[in-house]
C-alpha atoms as a PDB file:
ATOM      1  CA  MET A   1     176.771 149.479  83.013  1.00  0.00           C
ATOM      2  CA  ILE A   2     175.471 148.160  79.702  1.00  0.00           C
ATOM      3  CA  VAL A   3     174.013 144.686  79.198  1.00  0.00           C
ATOM      4  CA  VAL A   4     174.264 143.663  75.534  1.00  0.00           C
ATOM      5  CA  LEU A   5     171.814 140.948  74.536  1.00  0.00           C
ATOM      6  CA  ASP A   6     172.401 138.238  71.940  1.00  0.00           C
ATOM      7  CA  ARG A   7     171.166 139.146  68.462  1.00  0.00           C
ATOM      8  CA  ASP A   8     168.900 136.087  68.500  1.00  0.00           C
ATOM      9  CA  CYS A   9     167.666 136.677  72.069  1.00  0.00           C
ATOM     10  CA  SER A  10     163.991 135.791  72.452  1.00  0.00           C
ATOM     11  CA  LEU A  11     161.395 138.135  73.905  1.00  0.00           C
ATOM     12  CA  LYS A  12     161.032 135.765  76.861  1.00  0.00           C
ATOM     13  CA  GLU A  13     164.773 136.007  77.577  1.00  0.00           C
ATOM     14  CA  LYS A  14     164.696 139.829  77.305  1.00  0.00           C
ATOM     15  CA  ALA A  15     161.776 139.968  79.713  1.00  0.00           C
ATOM     16  CA  GLY A  16     163.624 137.676  82.121  1.00  0.00           C
ATOM     17  CA  VAL A  17     166.660 139.964  82.175  1.00  0.00           C
ATOM     18  CA  VAL A  18     164.485 143.060  82.708  1.00  0.00           C
ATOM     19  CA  ARG A  19     162.509 141.370  85.513  1.00  0.00           C
ATOM     20  CA  TYR A  20     165.712 140.256  87.219  1.00  0.00           C
ATOM     21  CA  ILE A  21     167.143 143.799  87.163  1.00  0.00           C
ATOM     22  CA  GLU A  22     163.901 145.342  88.423  1.00  0.00           C
ATOM     23  CA  SER A  23     163.525 142.742  91.169  1.00  0.00           C
ATOM     24  CA  HIS A  24     166.918 143.814  92.520  1.00  0.00           C
ATOM     25  CA  GLY A  25     165.957 147.506  92.572  1.00  0.00           C
ATOM     26  CA  GLY A  26     167.790 148.432  89.387  1.00  0.00           C
ATOM     27  CA  ARG A  27     166.682 151.233  87.094  1.00  0.00           C
ATOM     28  CA  LEU A  28     167.101 150.536  83.400  1.00  0.00           C
ATOM     29  CA  LEU A  29     166.602 151.757  79.869  1.00  0.00           C
ATOM     30  CA  VAL A  30     166.228 149.362  76.925  1.00  0.00           C
ATOM     31  CA  SER A  31     167.587 150.617  73.591  1.00  0.00           C
ATOM     32  CA  GLU A  32     167.637 149.072  70.139  1.00  0.00           C
ATOM     33  CA  ILE A  33     170.844 150.228  68.439  1.00  0.00           C
ATOM     34  CA  GLY A  34     171.168 148.846  64.951  1.00  0.00           C
ATOM     35  CA  ASP A  35     170.706 145.111  65.318  1.00  0.00           C
ATOM     36  CA  GLU A  36     171.766 145.073  68.985  1.00  0.00           C
ATOM     37  CA  THR A  37     169.636 145.419  72.116  1.00  0.00           C
ATOM     38  CA  HIS A  38     171.281 147.278  74.979  1.00  0.00           C
ATOM     39  CA  ILE A  39     169.986 147.548  78.531  1.00  0.00           C
ATOM     40  CA  GLY A  40     171.516 150.458  80.399  1.00  0.00           C
ATOM     41  CA  LEU A  41     171.640 150.078  84.188  1.00  0.00           C
ATOM     42  CA  ILE A  42     171.759 152.958  86.625  1.00  0.00           C
ATOM     43  CA  GLY A  43     172.424 152.627  90.312  1.00  0.00           C
ATOM     44  CA  SER A  44     174.742 151.050  92.835  1.00  0.00           C
ATOM     45  CA  GLU A  45     173.122 147.631  92.482  1.00  0.00           C
ATOM     46  CA  ALA A  46     174.386 147.332  88.895  1.00  0.00           C
ATOM     47  CA  GLN A  47     177.834 146.066  89.902  1.00  0.00           C
ATOM     48  CA  ALA A  48     176.358 143.777  92.555  1.00  0.00           C
ATOM     49  CA  ILE A  49     174.256 141.841  90.016  1.00  0.00           C
ATOM     50  CA  ALA A  50     176.691 141.975  87.061  1.00  0.00           C
ATOM     51  CA  GLY A  51     177.989 138.450  87.654  1.00  0.00           C
ATOM     52  CA  ASP A  52     174.504 136.942  87.705  1.00  0.00           C
ATOM     53  CA  LEU A  53     173.440 138.914  84.617  1.00  0.00           C
ATOM     54  CA  ALA A  54     176.435 137.675  82.631  1.00  0.00           C
ATOM     55  CA  THR A  55     175.274 134.066  83.042  1.00  0.00           C
ATOM     56  CA  MET A  56     171.626 134.658  82.138  1.00  0.00           C
ATOM     57  CA  PRO A  57     170.195 133.252  78.873  1.00  0.00           C
ATOM     58  CA  GLY A  58     170.212 135.856  76.105  1.00  0.00           C
ATOM     59  CA  VAL A  59     173.043 137.984  77.527  1.00  0.00           C
ATOM     60  CA  ALA A  60     176.001 138.379  75.155  1.00  0.00           C
ATOM     61  CA  GLU A  61     178.220 140.616  77.278  1.00  0.00           C
ATOM     62  CA  ILE A  62     178.396 143.164  80.065  1.00  0.00           C
ATOM     63  CA  ARG A  63     180.117 146.499  79.368  1.00  0.00           C
ATOM     64  CA  ASP A  64     181.228 148.920  82.046  1.00  0.00           C
ATOM     65  CA  ALA A  65     180.768 151.901  79.740  1.00  0.00           C
ATOM     66  CA  ALA A  66     179.473 152.824  76.309  1.00  0.00           C
ATOM     67  CA  ALA A  67     179.677 155.807  74.011  1.00  0.00           C
ATOM     68  CA  PRO A  68     177.405 158.648  75.180  1.00  0.00           C
ATOM     69  CA  TYR A  69     175.767 158.778  71.756  1.00  0.00           C
ATOM     70  CA  PRO A  70     174.343 156.259  69.274  1.00  0.00           C
ATOM     71  CA  ARG A  71     177.183 155.034  67.052  1.00  0.00           C
ATOM     72  CA  SER A  72     174.952 155.315  64.011  1.00  0.00           C
ATOM     73  CA  LEU A  73     174.564 159.089  64.423  1.00  0.00           C
ATOM     74  CA  VAL A  74     177.964 160.428  65.388  1.00  0.00           C
ATOM     75  CA  SER A  75     181.095 158.401  65.483  1.00  0.00           C
ATOM     76  CA  THR A  76     184.755 158.370  64.702  1.00  0.00           C
ATOM     77  CA  THR A  77     184.509 154.612  64.188  1.00  0.00           C
ATOM     78  CA  ARG A  78     182.561 155.008  60.948  1.00  0.00           C
ATOM     79  CA  SER A  79     183.987 156.866  58.013  1.00  0.00           C
ATOM     80  CA  HIS A  80     181.861 158.514  55.358  1.00  0.00           C
ATOM     81  CA  PRO A  81     183.211 159.803  52.059  1.00  0.00           C
ATOM     82  CA  LYS A  82     184.063 163.476  52.104  1.00  0.00           C
ATOM     83  CA  SER A  83     181.891 165.807  50.034  1.00  0.00           C
ATOM     84  CA  LYS A  84     183.293 168.334  47.610  1.00  0.00           C
ATOM     85  CA  LEU A  85     181.371 171.486  46.783  1.00  0.00           C
ATOM     86  CA  ALA A  86     182.042 173.722  43.830  1.00  0.00           C
ATOM     87  CA  ILE A  87     181.765 177.392  44.652  1.00  0.00           C
ATOM     88  CA  SER A  88     181.501 179.814  41.744  1.00  0.00           C
ATOM     89  CA  ARG A  89     181.327 183.580  41.553  1.00  0.00           C
END
């Protein structure tokens, strides 16, 4: 499960979300992806506390899944112009 924080979430609100997860035995990883902060939750307690997390200050949304890679590195959602190379003999 992924907890996406508001873009204007304060450090105090982030800390509150992290403390809440840890106090319920959750394991987590905080990632800054672009201008978003994601908190990845691992463990069976993730679904049990999802409802409470969704109502906490600073939480924008709860996602059940996310791409297994940072969107900024590899993605089909972003298109880059194709390169053309001239090959001469």
